Amino acid sequence: MAVDETLTVAVRVKPGASRARVGGRFDGPHGPALVIAVNAPAVDGRATEAARRALADALGVRAAAVSLRTGAASRDKLFLIERPPSELTGVLRRLRDGSAE
């Protein structure tokens, strides 16, 4: 059995941004979180869906592999990545903590 069937990613969503961007760190209620700015407004889950897709794109995984675990009505969310590739934690760390644009 694989030990890491899923990877939990803490995210801080900034809806209504002038340009979509994935990168940066926010120390939120779930610990160090990856900042995702999206163009979509925080209405009817549109910002959450935009953040889910942006996270998948930034990490190089299929959008279907990314699902919301908690935080549907919050800027602070936890996403689950199904069957993450082994290099994903390094990519995530670079996006969140720097050394990547």
PDB file of N, CA and C in Angstrom:
ATOM      1  N   MET A   1       0.835  -1.197   0.000  1.00  0.00           N
ATOM      2  CA  MET A   1       0.000   0.000   0.000  1.00  0.00           C
ATOM      3  C   MET A   1       0.874   1.254   0.000  1.00  0.00           C
ATOM      4  N   ALA A   2       0.484   2.234  -0.784  1.00  0.00           N
ATOM      5  CA  ALA A   2       1.191   3.518  -0.799  1.00  0.00           C
ATOM      6  C   ALA A   2       0.853   4.269   0.473  1.00  0.00           C
ATOM      7  N   VAL A   3       1.863   4.889   1.058  1.00  0.00           N
ATOM      8  CA  VAL A   3       1.664   5.617   2.305  1.00  0.00           C
ATOM      9  C   VAL A   3       0.917   6.917   2.053  1.00  0.00           C
ATOM     10  N   ASP A   4       1.312   7.644   1.016  1.00  0.00           N
ATOM     11  CA  ASP A   4       0.707   8.945   0.745  1.00  0.00           C
ATOM     12  C   ASP A   4      -0.293   8.861  -0.399  1.00  0.00           C
ATOM     13  N   GLU A   5      -1.518   8.464  -0.078  1.00  0.00           N
ATOM     14  CA  GLU A   5      -2.568   8.408  -1.085  1.00  0.00           C
ATOM     15  C   GLU A   5      -3.074   9.804  -1.418  1.00  0.00           C
ATOM     16  N   THR A   6      -3.013  10.708  -0.426  1.00  0.00           N
ATOM     17  CA  THR A   6      -3.433  12.090  -0.654  1.00  0.00           C
ATOM     18  C   THR A   6      -2.451  13.032   0.021  1.00  0.00           C
ATOM     19  N   LEU A   7      -2.406  14.248  -0.485  1.00  0.00           N
ATOM     20  CA  LEU A   7      -1.603  15.310   0.101  1.00  0.00           C
ATOM     21  C   LEU A   7      -2.557  16.449   0.430  1.00  0.00           C
ATOM     22  N   THR A   8      -2.506  16.948   1.660  1.00  0.00           N
ATOM     23  CA  THR A   8      -3.345  18.077   2.052  1.00  0.00           C
ATOM     24  C   THR A   8      -2.547  19.358   1.874  1.00  0.00           C
ATOM     25  N   VAL A   9      -3.162  20.331   1.196  1.00  0.00           N
ATOM     26  CA  VAL A   9      -2.506  21.608   0.930  1.00  0.00           C
ATOM     27  C   VAL A   9      -3.344  22.730   1.534  1.00  0.00           C
ATOM     28  N   ALA A  10      -2.744  23.486   2.451  1.00  0.00           N
ATOM     29  CA  ALA A  10      -3.400  24.664   3.019  1.00  0.00           C
ATOM     30  C   ALA A  10      -3.242  25.818   2.040  1.00  0.00           C
ATOM     31  N   VAL A  11      -4.351  26.538   1.805  1.00  0.00           N
ATOM     32  CA  VAL A  11      -4.370  27.605   0.809  1.00  0.00           C
ATOM     33  C   VAL A  11      -5.062  28.831   1.388  1.00  0.00           C
ATOM     34  N   ARG A  12      -4.558  30.012   1.050  1.00  0.00           N
ATOM     35  CA  ARG A  12      -5.233  31.283   1.346  1.00  0.00           C
ATOM     36  C   ARG A  12      -5.644  31.864   0.003  1.00  0.00           C
ATOM     37  N   VAL A  13      -6.948  32.025  -0.218  1.00  0.00           N
ATOM     38  CA  VAL A  13      -7.459  32.522  -1.495  1.00  0.00           C
ATOM     39  C   VAL A  13      -7.699  34.024  -1.403  1.00  0.00           C
ATOM     40  N   LYS A  14      -7.247  34.731  -2.434  1.00  0.00           N
ATOM     41  CA  LYS A  14      -7.504  36.166  -2.557  1.00  0.00           C
ATOM     42  C   LYS A  14      -8.375  36.373  -3.794  1.00  0.00           C
ATOM     43  N   PRO A  15      -9.697  36.431  -3.595  1.00  0.00           N
ATOM     44  CA  PRO A  15     -10.609  36.583  -4.737  1.00  0.00           C
ATOM     45  C   PRO A  15     -10.593  38.004  -5.297  1.00  0.00           C
ATOM     46  N   GLY A  16     -11.036  38.141  -6.544  1.00  0.00           N
ATOM     47  CA  GLY A  16     -11.168  39.458  -7.156  1.00  0.00           C
ATOM     48  C   GLY A  16      -9.841  40.146  -7.453  1.00  0.00           C
ATOM     49  N   ALA A  17      -8.768  39.386  -7.582  1.00  0.00           N
ATOM     50  CA  ALA A  17      -7.451  39.966  -7.855  1.00  0.00           C
ATOM     51  C   ALA A  17      -7.388  40.460  -9.304  1.00  0.00           C
ATOM     52  N   SER A  18      -6.539  41.439  -9.556  1.00  0.00           N
ATOM     53  CA  SER A  18      -6.400  41.958 -10.916  1.00  0.00           C
ATOM     54  C   SER A  18      -5.755  40.929 -11.835  1.00  0.00           C
ATOM     55  N   ARG A  19      -4.881  40.088 -11.268  1.00  0.00           N
ATOM     56  CA  ARG A  19      -4.301  39.011 -12.080  1.00  0.00           C
ATOM     57  C   ARG A  19      -4.178  37.754 -11.230  1.00  0.00           C
ATOM     58  N   ALA A  20      -4.421  36.622 -11.869  1.00  0.00           N
ATOM     59  CA  ALA A  20      -4.328  35.339 -11.167  1.00  0.00           C
ATOM     60  C   ALA A  20      -2.861  35.029 -10.913  1.00  0.00           C
ATOM     61  N   ARG A  21      -2.570  34.511  -9.718  1.00  0.00           N
ATOM     62  CA  ARG A  21      -1.191  34.226  -9.356  1.00  0.00           C
ATOM     63  C   ARG A  21      -1.169  33.167  -8.269  1.00  0.00           C
ATOM     64  N   VAL A  22      -0.210  32.246  -8.351  1.00  0.00           N
ATOM     65  CA  VAL A  22      -0.024  31.228  -7.323  1.00  0.00           C
ATOM     66  C   VAL A  22       1.389  31.395  -6.788  1.00  0.00           C
ATOM     67  N   GLY A  23       1.482  31.688  -5.508  1.00  0.00           N
ATOM     68  CA  GLY A  23       2.795  31.840  -4.890  1.00  0.00           C
ATOM     69  C   GLY A  23       2.734  32.760  -3.698  1.00  0.00           C
ATOM     70  N   GLY A  24       3.572  32.493  -2.736  1.00  0.00           N
ATOM     71  CA  GLY A  24       3.605  33.283  -1.519  1.00  0.00           C
ATOM     72  C   GLY A  24       3.094  32.477  -0.348  1.00  0.00           C
ATOM     73  N   ARG A  25       3.336  33.038   0.819  1.00  0.00           N
ATOM     74  CA  ARG A  25       3.014  32.321   2.053  1.00  0.00           C
ATOM     75  C   ARG A  25       2.111  33.176   2.932  1.00  0.00           C
ATOM     76  N   PHE A  26       1.148  32.526   3.559  1.00  0.00           N
ATOM     77  CA  PHE A  26       0.277  33.164   4.539  1.00  0.00           C
ATOM     78  C   PHE A  26       0.189  32.226   5.733  1.00  0.00           C
ATOM     79  N   ASP A  27       0.517  32.729   6.917  1.00  0.00           N
ATOM     80  CA  ASP A  27       0.421  31.897   8.117  1.00  0.00           C
ATOM     81  C   ASP A  27      -0.995  32.001   8.661  1.00  0.00           C
ATOM     82  N   GLY A  28      -1.795  31.012   8.300  1.00  0.00           N
ATOM     83  CA  GLY A  28      -3.216  31.028   8.649  1.00  0.00           C
ATOM     84  C   GLY A  28      -3.578  29.975   9.671  1.00  0.00           C
ATOM     85  N   PRO A  29      -4.879  29.728   9.829  1.00  0.00           N
ATOM     86  CA  PRO A  29      -5.366  28.789  10.842  1.00  0.00           C
ATOM     87  C   PRO A  29      -4.952  27.338  10.595  1.00  0.00           C
ATOM     88  N   HIS A  30      -4.584  27.008   9.352  1.00  0.00           N
ATOM     89  CA  HIS A  30      -4.170  25.639   9.034  1.00  0.00           C
ATOM     90  C   HIS A  30      -2.654  25.516   8.942  1.00  0.00           C
ATOM     91  N   GLY A  31      -1.927  26.545   9.416  1.00  0.00           N
ATOM     92  CA  GLY A  31      -0.474  26.551   9.320  1.00  0.00           C
ATOM     93  C   GLY A  31      -0.037  27.328   8.096  1.00  0.00           C
ATOM     94  N   PRO A  32       1.218  27.156   7.669  1.00  0.00           N
ATOM     95  CA  PRO A  32       1.700  27.872   6.493  1.00  0.00           C
ATOM     96  C   PRO A  32       0.875  27.506   5.263  1.00  0.00           C
ATOM     97  N   ALA A  33       0.313  28.523   4.612  1.00  0.00           N
ATOM     98  CA  ALA A  33      -0.577  28.290   3.482  1.00  0.00           C
ATOM     99  C   ALA A  33      -0.015  28.910   2.216  1.00  0.00           C
ATOM    100  N   LEU A  34      -0.300  28.279   1.086  1.00  0.00           N
ATOM    101  CA  LEU A  34       0.057  28.792  -0.225  1.00  0.00           C
ATOM    102  C   LEU A  34      -0.976  29.844  -0.614  1.00  0.00           C
ATOM    103  N   VAL A  35      -0.522  31.012  -1.069  1.00  0.00           N
ATOM    104  CA  VAL A  35      -1.427  32.080  -1.475  1.00  0.00           C
ATOM    105  C   VAL A  35      -1.797  31.897  -2.946  1.00  0.00           C
ATOM    106  N   ILE A  36      -3.106  31.933  -3.218  1.00  0.00           N
ATOM    107  CA  ILE A  36      -3.607  31.849  -4.586  1.00  0.00           C
ATOM    108  C   ILE A  36      -4.533  33.041  -4.822  1.00  0.00           C
ATOM    109  N   ALA A  37      -4.117  33.933  -5.727  1.00  0.00           N
ATOM    110  CA  ALA A  37      -4.951  35.067  -6.116  1.00  0.00           C
ATOM    111  C   ALA A  37      -5.702  34.671  -7.380  1.00  0.00           C
ATOM    112  N   VAL A  38      -7.007  34.929  -7.391  1.00  0.00           N
ATOM    113  CA  VAL A  38      -7.830  34.574  -8.545  1.00  0.00           C
ATOM    114  C   VAL A  38      -8.657  35.775  -8.974  1.00  0.00           C
ATOM    115  N   ASN A  39      -9.012  35.813 -10.267  1.00  0.00           N
ATOM    116  CA  ASN A  39      -9.846  36.893 -10.795  1.00  0.00           C
ATOM    117  C   ASN A  39     -11.291  36.759 -10.342  1.00  0.00           C
ATOM    118  N   ALA A  40     -11.732  35.545 -10.114  1.00  0.00           N
ATOM    119  CA  ALA A  40     -13.142  35.269  -9.791  1.00  0.00           C
ATOM    120  C   ALA A  40     -13.546  35.913  -8.464  1.00  0.00           C
ATOM    121  N   PRO A  41     -14.784  36.383  -8.394  1.00  0.00           N
ATOM    122  CA  PRO A  41     -15.283  36.936  -7.134  1.00  0.00           C
ATOM    123  C   PRO A  41     -15.644  35.829  -6.147  1.00  0.00           C
ATOM    124  N   ALA A  42     -15.751  36.205  -4.891  1.00  0.00           N
ATOM    125  CA  ALA A  42     -16.117  35.244  -3.847  1.00  0.00           C
ATOM    126  C   ALA A  42     -17.640  35.095  -3.798  1.00  0.00           C
ATOM    127  N   VAL A  43     -18.212  34.610  -4.891  1.00  0.00           N
ATOM    128  CA  VAL A  43     -19.660  34.459  -5.023  1.00  0.00           C
ATOM    129  C   VAL A  43     -19.960  33.062  -5.542  1.00  0.00           C
ATOM    130  N   ASP A  44     -20.877  32.370  -4.890  1.00  0.00           N
ATOM    131  CA  ASP A  44     -21.345  31.053  -5.355  1.00  0.00           C
ATOM    132  C   ASP A  44     -20.217  30.061  -5.614  1.00  0.00           C
ATOM    133  N   GLY A  45     -19.149  30.134  -4.821  1.00  0.00           N
ATOM    134  CA  GLY A  45     -18.061  29.177  -4.950  1.00  0.00           C
ATOM    135  C   GLY A  45     -17.160  29.400  -6.152  1.00  0.00           C
ATOM    136  N   ARG A  46     -17.325  30.521  -6.848  1.00  0.00           N
ATOM    137  CA  ARG A  46     -16.523  30.749  -8.057  1.00  0.00           C
ATOM    138  C   ARG A  46     -15.049  30.934  -7.733  1.00  0.00           C
ATOM    139  N   ALA A  47     -14.731  31.646  -6.652  1.00  0.00           N
ATOM    140  CA  ALA A  47     -13.321  31.833  -6.281  1.00  0.00           C
ATOM    141  C   ALA A  47     -12.704  30.504  -5.847  1.00  0.00           C
ATOM    142  N   THR A  48     -13.465  29.682  -5.142  1.00  0.00           N
ATOM    143  CA  THR A  48     -12.968  28.371  -4.713  1.00  0.00           C
ATOM    144  C   THR A  48     -12.647  27.496  -5.918  1.00  0.00           C
ATOM    145  N   GLU A  49     -13.549  27.484  -6.892  1.00  0.00           N
ATOM    146  CA  GLU A  49     -13.325  26.674  -8.097  1.00  0.00           C
ATOM    147  C   GLU A  49     -12.129  27.194  -8.885  1.00  0.00           C
ATOM    148  N   ALA A  50     -12.001  28.511  -8.999  1.00  0.00           N
ATOM    149  CA  ALA A  50     -10.854  29.095  -9.706  1.00  0.00           C
ATOM    150  C   ALA A  50      -9.555  28.747  -8.979  1.00  0.00           C
ATOM    151  N   ALA A  51      -9.579  28.779  -7.645  1.00  0.00           N
ATOM    152  CA  ALA A  51      -8.389  28.438  -6.859  1.00  0.00           C
ATOM    153  C   ALA A  51      -8.035  26.963  -7.022  1.00  0.00           C
ATOM    154  N   ARG A  52      -9.048  26.097  -7.069  1.00  0.00           N
ATOM    155  CA  ARG A  52      -8.808  24.659  -7.249  1.00  0.00           C
ATOM    156  C   ARG A  52      -8.103  24.403  -8.580  1.00  0.00           C
ATOM    157  N   ARG A  53      -8.582  25.045  -9.628  1.00  0.00           N
ATOM    158  CA  ARG A  53      -7.982  24.866 -10.955  1.00  0.00           C
ATOM    159  C   ARG A  53      -6.580  25.476 -11.017  1.00  0.00           C
ATOM    160  N   ALA A  54      -6.409  26.645 -10.402  1.00  0.00           N
ATOM    161  CA  ALA A  54      -5.091  27.297 -10.399  1.00  0.00           C
ATOM    162  C   ALA A  54      -4.074  26.451  -9.635  1.00  0.00           C
ATOM    163  N   LEU A  55      -4.513  25.844  -8.531  1.00  0.00           N
ATOM    164  CA  LEU A  55      -3.623  24.980  -7.750  1.00  0.00           C
ATOM    165  C   LEU A  55      -3.201  23.768  -8.585  1.00  0.00           C
ATOM    166  N   ALA A  56      -4.146  23.154  -9.262  1.00  0.00           N
ATOM    167  CA  ALA A  56      -3.835  22.001 -10.113  1.00  0.00           C
ATOM    168  C   ALA A  56      -2.836  22.388 -11.200  1.00  0.00           C
ATOM    169  N   ASP A  57      -3.064  23.528 -11.855  1.00  0.00           N
ATOM    170  CA  ASP A  57      -2.158  23.990 -12.910  1.00  0.00           C
ATOM    171  C   ASP A  57      -0.760  24.229 -12.360  1.00  0.00           C
ATOM    172  N   ALA A  58      -0.682  24.925 -11.222  1.00  0.00           N
ATOM    173  CA  ALA A  58       0.624  25.270 -10.643  1.00  0.00           C
ATOM    174  C   ALA A  58       1.406  24.035 -10.214  1.00  0.00           C
ATOM    175  N   LEU A  59       0.691  23.005  -9.763  1.00  0.00           N
ATOM    176  CA  LEU A  59       1.353  21.791  -9.292  1.00  0.00           C
ATOM    177  C   LEU A  59       1.524  20.751 -10.401  1.00  0.00           C
ATOM    178  N   GLY A  60       0.941  21.017 -11.564  1.00  0.00           N
ATOM    179  CA  GLY A  60       1.094  20.096 -12.681  1.00  0.00           C
ATOM    180  C   GLY A  60       0.325  18.802 -12.527  1.00  0.00           C
ATOM    181  N   VAL A  61      -0.835  18.884 -11.872  1.00  0.00           N
ATOM    182  CA  VAL A  61      -1.684  17.699 -11.728  1.00  0.00           C
ATOM    183  C   VAL A  61      -3.026  17.961 -12.409  1.00  0.00           C
ATOM    184  N   ARG A  62      -3.766  16.901 -12.677  1.00  0.00           N
ATOM    185  CA  ARG A  62      -5.098  17.052 -13.278  1.00  0.00           C
ATOM    186  C   ARG A  62      -6.021  17.775 -12.295  1.00  0.00           C
ATOM    187  N   ALA A  63      -6.878  18.634 -12.811  1.00  0.00           N
ATOM    188  CA  ALA A  63      -7.829  19.346 -11.953  1.00  0.00           C
ATOM    189  C   ALA A  63      -8.718  18.364 -11.195  1.00  0.00           C
ATOM    190  N   ALA A  64      -9.020  17.224 -11.814  1.00  0.00           N
ATOM    191  CA  ALA A  64      -9.874  16.217 -11.172  1.00  0.00           C
ATOM    192  C   ALA A  64      -9.204  15.600  -9.948  1.00  0.00           C
ATOM    193  N   ALA A  65      -7.882  15.720  -9.839  1.00  0.00           N
ATOM    194  CA  ALA A  65      -7.163  15.149  -8.698  1.00  0.00           C
ATOM    195  C   ALA A  65      -7.184  16.070  -7.480  1.00  0.00           C
ATOM    196  N   VAL A  66      -7.694  17.292  -7.659  1.00  0.00           N
ATOM    197  CA  VAL A  66      -7.715  18.279  -6.578  1.00  0.00           C
ATOM    198  C   VAL A  66      -9.152  18.474  -6.105  1.00  0.00           C
ATOM    199  N   SER A  67      -9.365  18.313  -4.798  1.00  0.00           N
ATOM    200  CA  SER A  67     -10.707  18.514  -4.252  1.00  0.00           C
ATOM    201  C   SER A  67     -10.635  19.329  -2.968  1.00  0.00           C
ATOM    202  N   LEU A  68     -11.730  20.035  -2.683  1.00  0.00           N
ATOM    203  CA  LEU A  68     -11.814  20.849  -1.478  1.00  0.00           C
ATOM    204  C   LEU A  68     -12.137  19.967  -0.284  1.00  0.00           C
ATOM    205  N   ARG A  69     -11.341  20.086   0.779  1.00  0.00           N
ATOM    206  CA  ARG A  69     -11.616  19.333   2.001  1.00  0.00           C
ATOM    207  C   ARG A  69     -12.403  20.176   2.985  1.00  0.00           C
ATOM    208  N   THR A  70     -11.928  21.383   3.263  1.00  0.00           N
ATOM    209  CA  THR A  70     -12.653  22.290   4.159  1.00  0.00           C
ATOM    210  C   THR A  70     -12.467  23.721   3.688  1.00  0.00           C
ATOM    211  N   GLY A  71     -13.400  24.586   4.091  1.00  0.00           N
ATOM    212  CA  GLY A  71     -13.250  26.009   3.848  1.00  0.00           C
ATOM    213  C   GLY A  71     -14.049  26.556   2.687  1.00  0.00           C
ATOM    214  N   ALA A  72     -15.187  25.942   2.356  1.00  0.00           N
ATOM    215  CA  ALA A  72     -15.983  26.390   1.207  1.00  0.00           C
ATOM    216  C   ALA A  72     -16.357  27.871   1.315  1.00  0.00           C
ATOM    217  N   ALA A  73     -16.639  28.355   2.511  1.00  0.00           N
ATOM    218  CA  ALA A  73     -17.071  29.749   2.681  1.00  0.00           C
ATOM    219  C   ALA A  73     -15.986  30.613   3.323  1.00  0.00           C
ATOM    220  N   SER A  74     -14.755  30.154   3.271  1.00  0.00           N
ATOM    221  CA  SER A  74     -13.648  30.864   3.922  1.00  0.00           C
ATOM    222  C   SER A  74     -12.537  31.137   2.926  1.00  0.00           C
ATOM    223  N   ARG A  75     -11.712  32.136   3.214  1.00  0.00           N
ATOM    224  CA  ARG A  75     -10.526  32.372   2.381  1.00  0.00           C
ATOM    225  C   ARG A  75      -9.449  31.336   2.690  1.00  0.00           C
ATOM    226  N   ASP A  76      -9.509  30.760   3.889  1.00  0.00           N
ATOM    227  CA  ASP A  76      -8.545  29.734   4.294  1.00  0.00           C
ATOM    228  C   ASP A  76      -9.150  28.367   4.014  1.00  0.00           C
ATOM    229  N   LYS A  77      -8.506  27.620   3.113  1.00  0.00           N
ATOM    230  CA  LYS A  77      -9.055  26.356   2.653  1.00  0.00           C
ATOM    231  C   LYS A  77      -8.020  25.247   2.769  1.00  0.00           C
ATOM    232  N   LEU A  78      -8.507  24.024   2.804  1.00  0.00           N
ATOM    233  CA  LEU A  78      -7.646  22.854   2.683  1.00  0.00           C
ATOM    234  C   LEU A  78      -8.086  22.102   1.447  1.00  0.00           C
ATOM    235  N   PHE A  79      -7.140  21.857   0.534  1.00  0.00           N
ATOM    236  CA  PHE A  79      -7.403  21.061  -0.654  1.00  0.00           C
ATOM    237  C   PHE A  79      -6.691  19.730  -0.515  1.00  0.00           C
ATOM    238  N   LEU A  80      -7.263  18.685  -1.090  1.00  0.00           N
ATOM    239  CA  LEU A  80      -6.648  17.364  -1.137  1.00  0.00           C
ATOM    240  C   LEU A  80      -6.178  17.088  -2.557  1.00  0.00           C
ATOM    241  N   ILE A  81      -4.967  16.590  -2.680  1.00  0.00           N
ATOM    242  CA  ILE A  81      -4.430  16.162  -3.971  1.00  0.00           C
ATOM    243  C   ILE A  81      -4.396  14.634  -3.943  1.00  0.00           C
ATOM    244  N   GLU A  82      -5.134  14.001  -4.838  1.00  0.00           N
ATOM    245  CA  GLU A  82      -5.177  12.536  -4.911  1.00  0.00           C
ATOM    246  C   GLU A  82      -3.920  12.000  -5.589  1.00  0.00           C
ATOM    247  N   ARG A  83      -3.340  10.965  -5.018  1.00  0.00           N
ATOM    248  CA  ARG A  83      -2.165  10.290  -5.573  1.00  0.00           C
ATOM    249  C   ARG A  83      -1.112  11.275  -6.075  1.00  0.00           C
ATOM    250  N   PRO A  84      -0.569  12.096  -5.177  1.00  0.00           N
ATOM    251  CA  PRO A  84       0.410  13.107  -5.606  1.00  0.00           C
ATOM    252  C   PRO A  84       1.727  12.473  -6.038  1.00  0.00           C
ATOM    253  N   PRO A  85       2.342  13.004  -7.099  1.00  0.00           N
ATOM    254  CA  PRO A  85       3.676  12.521  -7.474  1.00  0.00           C
ATOM    255  C   PRO A  85       4.684  12.884  -6.384  1.00  0.00           C
ATOM    256  N   SER A  86       5.756  12.139  -6.292  1.00  0.00           N
ATOM    257  CA  SER A  86       6.713  12.318  -5.196  1.00  0.00           C
ATOM    258  C   SER A  86       7.358  13.695  -5.163  1.00  0.00           C
ATOM    259  N   GLU A  87       7.527  14.338  -6.316  1.00  0.00           N
ATOM    260  CA  GLU A  87       8.185  15.644  -6.332  1.00  0.00           C
ATOM    261  C   GLU A  87       7.255  16.794  -5.959  1.00  0.00           C
ATOM    262  N   LEU A  88       5.984  16.492  -5.735  1.00  0.00           N
ATOM    263  CA  LEU A  88       4.999  17.547  -5.492  1.00  0.00           C
ATOM    264  C   LEU A  88       5.272  18.365  -4.236  1.00  0.00           C
ATOM    265  N   THR A  89       5.743  17.739  -3.172  1.00  0.00           N
ATOM    266  CA  THR A  89       5.998  18.506  -1.947  1.00  0.00           C
ATOM    267  C   THR A  89       7.091  19.546  -2.164  1.00  0.00           C
ATOM    268  N   GLY A  90       8.093  19.223  -2.978  1.00  0.00           N
ATOM    269  CA  GLY A  90       9.144  20.191  -3.283  1.00  0.00           C
ATOM    270  C   GLY A  90       8.623  21.357  -4.097  1.00  0.00           C
ATOM    271  N   VAL A  91       7.779  21.066  -5.086  1.00  0.00           N
ATOM    272  CA  VAL A  91       7.172  22.111  -5.907  1.00  0.00           C
ATOM    273  C   VAL A  91       6.322  23.017  -5.026  1.00  0.00           C
ATOM    274  N   LEU A  92       5.524  22.421  -4.169  1.00  0.00           N
ATOM    275  CA  LEU A  92       4.665  23.170  -3.261  1.00  0.00           C
ATOM    276  C   LEU A  92       5.487  24.072  -2.344  1.00  0.00           C
ATOM    277  N   ARG A  93       6.565  23.534  -1.790  1.00  0.00           N
ATOM    278  CA  ARG A  93       7.423  24.308  -0.894  1.00  0.00           C
ATOM    279  C   ARG A  93       8.029  25.510  -1.616  1.00  0.00           C
ATOM    280  N   ARG A  94       8.480  25.300  -2.865  1.00  0.00           N
ATOM    281  CA  ARG A  94       9.061  26.418  -3.633  1.00  0.00           C
ATOM    282  C   ARG A  94       8.026  27.501  -3.906  1.00  0.00           C
ATOM    283  N   LEU A  95       6.818  27.113  -4.258  1.00  0.00           N
ATOM    284  CA  LEU A  95       5.757  28.093  -4.522  1.00  0.00           C
ATOM    285  C   LEU A  95       5.396  28.873  -3.260  1.00  0.00           C
ATOM    286  N   ARG A  96       5.326  28.171  -2.148  1.00  0.00           N
ATOM    287  CA  ARG A  96       4.891  28.796  -0.901  1.00  0.00           C
ATOM    288  C   ARG A  96       5.997  29.603  -0.232  1.00  0.00           C
ATOM    289  N   ASP A  97       7.216  29.066  -0.214  1.00  0.00           N
ATOM    290  CA  ASP A  97       8.273  29.675   0.591  1.00  0.00           C
ATOM    291  C   ASP A  97       9.305  30.457  -0.213  1.00  0.00           C
ATOM    292  N   GLY A  98       9.093  30.561  -1.521  1.00  0.00           N
ATOM    293  CA  GLY A  98      10.014  31.363  -2.322  1.00  0.00           C
ATOM    294  C   GLY A  98      10.870  30.540  -3.236  1.00  0.00           C
ATOM    295  N   SER A  99      11.781  31.180  -3.880  1.00  0.00           N
ATOM    296  CA  SER A  99      12.697  30.600  -4.867  1.00  0.00           C
ATOM    297  C   SER A  99      11.969  30.085  -6.099  1.00  0.00           C
ATOM    298  N   ALA A 100      10.718  30.498  -6.267  1.00  0.00           N
ATOM    299  CA  ALA A 100       9.969  30.205  -7.494  1.00  0.00           C
ATOM    300  C   ALA A 100       9.072  31.390  -7.781  1.00  0.00           C
ATOM    301  N   GLU A 101       8.918  31.734  -9.025  1.00  0.00           N
ATOM    302  CA  GLU A 101       8.064  32.874  -9.396  1.00  0.00           C
ATOM    303  C   GLU A 101       6.666  32.390  -9.681  1.00  0.00           C
TER     304      GLU A 101
END
